[in-house]
Amino acid sequence: MKTSRDGTDLSAGRPAVRLRMPRETASHRAPLFWAVRAGLGWTALQLAEVGWLLNDRIDRVPYLPVPSPQYLLIAVTAVLALFHLSVMPRC
């Protein structure tokens, strides 16, 4: 194995990458802050959707025997919010 004076491997034709410790890292409380901030955003969106549902005069689509598609939208938003919050960084 061919190495330079500082010990980097030169056998591949280019020096090996050496990682250094980061100078500035995120606070240990940062992941909690990110999760709370994301949760508040999803809550605001859910409340807007529920407000839209409650203030809408049409409860059913006239040509479909199912409730308003707003219920589906609220359910999909809830699933996406839970998924997003479950993959957020942890402390």
C-alpha atoms as a PDB file:
ATOM      1  CA  MET A   1       0.000   0.000   0.000  1.00  0.00           C
ATOM      2  CA  LYS A   2       1.403   3.352  -1.050  1.00  0.00           C
ATOM      3  CA  THR A   3       1.008   6.126   1.529  1.00  0.00           C
ATOM      4  CA  SER A   4       2.001   9.747   1.771  1.00  0.00           C
ATOM      5  CA  ARG A   5       3.894  11.351   4.659  1.00  0.00           C
ATOM      6  CA  ASP A   6       0.674  12.069   6.579  1.00  0.00           C
ATOM      7  CA  GLY A   7      -0.523   8.475   6.242  1.00  0.00           C
ATOM      8  CA  THR A   8      -3.160   8.891   3.524  1.00  0.00           C
ATOM      9  CA  ASP A   9      -3.599   6.038   1.080  1.00  0.00           C
ATOM     10  CA  LEU A  10      -2.373   6.908  -2.419  1.00  0.00           C
ATOM     11  CA  SER A  11      -2.792   3.470  -4.004  1.00  0.00           C
ATOM     12  CA  ALA A  12      -6.073   4.434  -5.716  1.00  0.00           C
ATOM     13  CA  GLY A  13      -4.443   7.411  -7.437  1.00  0.00           C
ATOM     14  CA  ARG A  14      -6.027   9.967  -5.135  1.00  0.00           C
ATOM     15  CA  PRO A  15      -5.724  10.611  -1.403  1.00  0.00           C
ATOM     16  CA  ALA A  16      -8.244   8.926   0.882  1.00  0.00           C
ATOM     17  CA  VAL A  17     -10.805  11.225   2.465  1.00  0.00           C
ATOM     18  CA  ARG A  18     -10.325  11.753   6.165  1.00  0.00           C
ATOM     19  CA  LEU A  19     -13.298  12.949   8.167  1.00  0.00           C
ATOM     20  CA  ARG A  20     -12.851  15.401  10.973  1.00  0.00           C
ATOM     21  CA  MET A  21     -15.025  16.005  14.002  1.00  0.00           C
ATOM     22  CA  PRO A  22     -17.560  18.776  13.396  1.00  0.00           C
ATOM     23  CA  ARG A  23     -16.794  22.088  15.068  1.00  0.00           C
ATOM     24  CA  GLU A  24     -20.390  22.985  15.738  1.00  0.00           C
ATOM     25  CA  THR A  25     -23.083  20.423  16.424  1.00  0.00           C
ATOM     26  CA  ALA A  26     -26.805  20.829  16.985  1.00  0.00           C
ATOM     27  CA  SER A  27     -28.038  21.164  20.530  1.00  0.00           C
ATOM     28  CA  HIS A  28     -29.285  18.010  22.245  1.00  0.00           C
ATOM     29  CA  ARG A  29     -32.673  19.757  22.533  1.00  0.00           C
ATOM     30  CA  ALA A  30     -32.856  20.538  18.796  1.00  0.00           C
ATOM     31  CA  PRO A  31     -34.637  17.303  17.711  1.00  0.00           C
ATOM     32  CA  LEU A  32     -37.393  17.944  20.243  1.00  0.00           C
ATOM     33  CA  PHE A  33     -37.758  21.504  18.959  1.00  0.00           C
ATOM     34  CA  TRP A  34     -37.946  20.252  15.364  1.00  0.00           C
ATOM     35  CA  ALA A  35     -40.592  17.666  16.255  1.00  0.00           C
ATOM     36  CA  VAL A  36     -42.723  20.162  18.198  1.00  0.00           C
ATOM     37  CA  ARG A  37     -42.467  22.715  15.394  1.00  0.00           C
ATOM     38  CA  ALA A  38     -43.492  20.121  12.802  1.00  0.00           C
ATOM     39  CA  GLY A  39     -46.343  18.935  15.034  1.00  0.00           C
ATOM     40  CA  LEU A  40     -47.664  22.470  15.390  1.00  0.00           C
ATOM     41  CA  GLY A  41     -47.600  22.904  11.629  1.00  0.00           C
ATOM     42  CA  TRP A  42     -49.547  19.685  11.062  1.00  0.00           C
ATOM     43  CA  THR A  43     -52.013  20.660  13.805  1.00  0.00           C
ATOM     44  CA  ALA A  44     -52.638  24.025  12.157  1.00  0.00           C
ATOM     45  CA  LEU A  45     -53.284  22.299   8.838  1.00  0.00           C
ATOM     46  CA  GLN A  46     -55.662  19.786  10.460  1.00  0.00           C
ATOM     47  CA  LEU A  47     -57.565  22.566  12.216  1.00  0.00           C
ATOM     48  CA  ALA A  48     -57.929  24.455   8.934  1.00  0.00           C
ATOM     49  CA  GLU A  49     -59.266  21.330   7.249  1.00  0.00           C
ATOM     50  CA  VAL A  50     -61.749  20.660  10.060  1.00  0.00           C
ATOM     51  CA  GLY A  51     -62.860  24.302   9.963  1.00  0.00           C
ATOM     52  CA  TRP A  52     -63.391  23.977   6.223  1.00  0.00           C
ATOM     53  CA  LEU A  53     -65.426  20.817   6.784  1.00  0.00           C
ATOM     54  CA  LEU A  54     -67.590  22.410   9.483  1.00  0.00           C
ATOM     55  CA  ASN A  55     -68.227  25.574   7.477  1.00  0.00           C
ATOM     56  CA  ASP A  56     -68.993  23.800   4.227  1.00  0.00           C
ATOM     57  CA  ARG A  57     -72.694  23.703   3.365  1.00  0.00           C
ATOM     58  CA  ILE A  58     -72.521  20.536   1.261  1.00  0.00           C
ATOM     59  CA  ASP A  59     -72.137  17.402   3.379  1.00  0.00           C
ATOM     60  CA  ARG A  60     -72.330  14.939   0.514  1.00  0.00           C
ATOM     61  CA  VAL A  61     -71.276  14.869  -3.084  1.00  0.00           C
ATOM     62  CA  PRO A  62     -74.580  14.782  -5.020  1.00  0.00           C
ATOM     63  CA  TYR A  63     -73.588  11.997  -7.400  1.00  0.00           C
ATOM     64  CA  LEU A  64     -71.751   9.767  -4.913  1.00  0.00           C
ATOM     65  CA  PRO A  65     -73.334   7.825  -2.050  1.00  0.00           C
ATOM     66  CA  VAL A  66     -70.379   8.604   0.224  1.00  0.00           C
ATOM     67  CA  PRO A  67     -69.595  11.434   2.641  1.00  0.00           C
ATOM     68  CA  SER A  68     -67.719  14.503   1.518  1.00  0.00           C
ATOM     69  CA  PRO A  69     -64.164  13.949   0.207  1.00  0.00           C
ATOM     70  CA  GLN A  70     -63.026  16.325   2.936  1.00  0.00           C
ATOM     71  CA  TYR A  71     -63.171  13.408   5.377  1.00  0.00           C
ATOM     72  CA  LEU A  72     -60.725  11.513   3.192  1.00  0.00           C
ATOM     73  CA  LEU A  73     -58.472  14.564   2.975  1.00  0.00           C
ATOM     74  CA  ILE A  74     -58.445  14.901   6.769  1.00  0.00           C
ATOM     75  CA  ALA A  75     -57.616  11.201   7.173  1.00  0.00           C
ATOM     76  CA  VAL A  76     -54.804  11.323   4.590  1.00  0.00           C
ATOM     77  CA  THR A  77     -53.363  14.426   6.235  1.00  0.00           C
ATOM     78  CA  ALA A  78     -53.416  12.699   9.636  1.00  0.00           C
ATOM     79  CA  VAL A  79     -51.598   9.655   8.241  1.00  0.00           C
ATOM     80  CA  LEU A  80     -48.972  11.840   6.575  1.00  0.00           C
ATOM     81  CA  ALA A  81     -48.504  13.830   9.785  1.00  0.00           C
ATOM     82  CA  LEU A  82     -48.011  10.683  11.861  1.00  0.00           C
ATOM     83  CA  PHE A  83     -45.546   9.312   9.329  1.00  0.00           C
ATOM     84  CA  HIS A  84     -43.617  12.580   9.196  1.00  0.00           C
ATOM     85  CA  LEU A  85     -43.425  12.872  12.971  1.00  0.00           C
ATOM     86  CA  SER A  86     -42.378   9.232  13.329  1.00  0.00           C
ATOM     87  CA  VAL A  87     -39.320   9.714  11.098  1.00  0.00           C
ATOM     88  CA  MET A  88     -38.210  12.972  12.720  1.00  0.00           C
ATOM     89  CA  PRO A  89     -34.741  12.884  14.340  1.00  0.00           C
ATOM     90  CA  ARG A  90     -34.763  11.674  17.936  1.00  0.00           C
ATOM     91  CA  CYS A  91     -32.864  12.961  20.935  1.00  0.00           C
END
